Structure formats: C-alpha cells, structure tokens
N, C-alpha and C. Protein backbone atom coordinates (compact mmCIF):
# COMPACT_ATOMS: atom_id res chain seq x y z
N UNK A 1 8.61 -53.68 -36.21
CA UNK A 1 7.31 -53.07 -36.48
C UNK A 1 7.42 -52.14 -37.70
N UNK A 2 8.47 -51.32 -37.74
CA UNK A 2 8.65 -50.43 -38.89
C UNK A 2 8.83 -51.23 -40.17
N UNK A 3 9.55 -52.35 -40.07
CA UNK A 3 9.75 -53.19 -41.25
C UNK A 3 8.41 -53.71 -41.75
N UNK A 4 7.54 -54.10 -40.83
CA UNK A 4 6.22 -54.60 -41.23
C UNK A 4 5.44 -53.49 -41.93
N UNK A 5 5.49 -52.28 -41.38
CA UNK A 5 4.81 -51.15 -42.01
C UNK A 5 5.40 -50.89 -43.40
N UNK A 6 6.71 -50.96 -43.49
CA UNK A 6 7.38 -50.69 -44.76
C UNK A 6 7.01 -51.76 -45.79
N UNK A 7 6.98 -53.02 -45.36
CA UNK A 7 6.60 -54.11 -46.25
C UNK A 7 5.17 -53.92 -46.75
N UNK A 8 4.27 -53.58 -45.84
CA UNK A 8 2.89 -53.34 -46.23
C UNK A 8 2.80 -52.16 -47.19
N UNK A 9 3.65 -51.17 -46.97
CA UNK A 9 3.68 -49.99 -47.84
C UNK A 9 4.12 -50.38 -49.25
N UNK A 10 5.13 -51.27 -49.33
CA UNK A 10 5.59 -51.69 -50.64
C UNK A 10 4.53 -52.53 -51.35
N UNK A 11 3.86 -53.41 -50.60
CA UNK A 11 2.86 -54.28 -51.21
C UNK A 11 1.62 -53.49 -51.61
N UNK A 12 1.13 -52.66 -50.69
CA UNK A 12 -0.11 -51.94 -50.94
C UNK A 12 0.20 -50.46 -51.09
N UNK A 13 0.59 -50.05 -52.29
CA UNK A 13 1.02 -48.68 -52.53
C UNK A 13 -0.08 -47.68 -52.22
N UNK A 14 -1.34 -48.09 -52.41
CA UNK A 14 -2.45 -47.16 -52.21
C UNK A 14 -2.59 -46.75 -50.75
N UNK A 15 -2.08 -47.56 -49.82
CA UNK A 15 -2.23 -47.24 -48.40
C UNK A 15 -1.13 -46.31 -47.90
N UNK A 16 -0.33 -45.79 -48.84
CA UNK A 16 0.79 -44.93 -48.46
C UNK A 16 0.31 -43.75 -47.61
N UNK A 17 -0.78 -43.12 -48.01
CA UNK A 17 -1.24 -41.95 -47.27
C UNK A 17 -1.67 -42.31 -45.86
N UNK A 18 -2.38 -43.43 -45.71
CA UNK A 18 -2.84 -43.81 -44.37
C UNK A 18 -1.66 -44.19 -43.49
N UNK A 19 -0.63 -44.83 -44.08
CA UNK A 19 0.55 -45.19 -43.29
C UNK A 19 1.28 -43.91 -42.87
N UNK A 20 1.41 -42.96 -43.79
CA UNK A 20 2.07 -41.70 -43.45
C UNK A 20 1.30 -41.00 -42.33
N UNK A 21 -0.03 -41.06 -42.41
CA UNK A 21 -0.86 -40.44 -41.37
C UNK A 21 -0.62 -41.13 -40.03
N UNK A 22 -0.57 -42.47 -40.03
CA UNK A 22 -0.33 -43.21 -38.79
C UNK A 22 1.05 -42.87 -38.22
N UNK A 23 2.06 -42.80 -39.08
CA UNK A 23 3.40 -42.47 -38.62
C UNK A 23 3.42 -41.06 -38.03
N UNK A 24 2.71 -40.14 -38.68
CA UNK A 24 2.66 -38.78 -38.16
C UNK A 24 2.05 -38.76 -36.77
N UNK A 25 0.91 -39.46 -36.61
CA UNK A 25 0.26 -39.52 -35.30
C UNK A 25 1.23 -40.12 -34.28
N UNK A 26 1.89 -41.21 -34.66
CA UNK A 26 2.82 -41.88 -33.75
C UNK A 26 3.92 -40.92 -33.31
N UNK A 27 4.51 -40.21 -34.27
CA UNK A 27 5.59 -39.28 -33.93
C UNK A 27 5.08 -38.15 -33.04
N UNK A 28 3.90 -37.60 -33.37
CA UNK A 28 3.36 -36.50 -32.56
C UNK A 28 3.11 -36.97 -31.13
N UNK A 29 2.55 -38.20 -30.98
CA UNK A 29 2.27 -38.69 -29.62
C UNK A 29 3.57 -38.91 -28.86
N UNK A 30 4.57 -39.51 -29.53
CA UNK A 30 5.85 -39.77 -28.86
C UNK A 30 6.50 -38.45 -28.44
N UNK A 31 6.59 -37.52 -29.37
CA UNK A 31 7.22 -36.22 -29.05
C UNK A 31 6.44 -35.51 -27.95
N UNK A 32 5.10 -35.58 -28.02
CA UNK A 32 4.28 -34.94 -27.00
C UNK A 32 4.54 -35.51 -25.62
N UNK A 33 4.63 -36.85 -25.52
CA UNK A 33 4.86 -37.45 -24.20
C UNK A 33 6.26 -37.13 -23.70
N UNK A 34 7.24 -37.10 -24.61
CA UNK A 34 8.61 -36.76 -24.20
C UNK A 34 8.64 -35.32 -23.67
N UNK A 35 7.96 -34.42 -24.38
CA UNK A 35 7.95 -33.02 -23.94
C UNK A 35 7.26 -32.90 -22.59
N UNK A 36 6.19 -33.67 -22.37
CA UNK A 36 5.50 -33.61 -21.08
C UNK A 36 6.44 -34.04 -19.96
N UNK A 37 7.18 -35.14 -20.19
CA UNK A 37 8.12 -35.60 -19.16
C UNK A 37 9.19 -34.54 -18.90
N UNK A 38 9.68 -33.93 -19.99
CA UNK A 38 10.69 -32.89 -19.87
C UNK A 38 10.17 -31.74 -19.00
N UNK A 39 8.96 -31.25 -19.32
CA UNK A 39 8.41 -30.12 -18.58
C UNK A 39 8.20 -30.49 -17.11
N UNK A 40 7.81 -31.74 -16.85
CA UNK A 40 7.60 -32.14 -15.46
C UNK A 40 8.92 -32.20 -14.71
N UNK A 41 10.00 -32.60 -15.40
CA UNK A 41 11.30 -32.71 -14.73
C UNK A 41 11.90 -31.34 -14.43
N UNK A 42 11.59 -30.36 -15.26
CA UNK A 42 12.20 -29.05 -15.05
C UNK A 42 11.53 -28.26 -13.94
C-alpha cells in the first residue's frame, strides 16, 4: 500500500500535499488507537 502511495506521489507530484495529509491522518489514527488500547490495559 505504501509503495502504491509512493508511486502515485512520484507520478503526480502535485498531490504531494494531499498524500502527506492522508499519511498524517493515518498515523494520528493509528497512534490514537494504540494509546487507547494502552490506557485500557493499564
């Protein structure tokens, strides 16, 4: 999946900002869910 995003990023340079935004959202959601599980386990 990351390779596909990277390929699209190379082909369509103008979409760099939207891809960065999507990656940011993805990371925030992943980190948020991990932290929620952590807090529930403690």
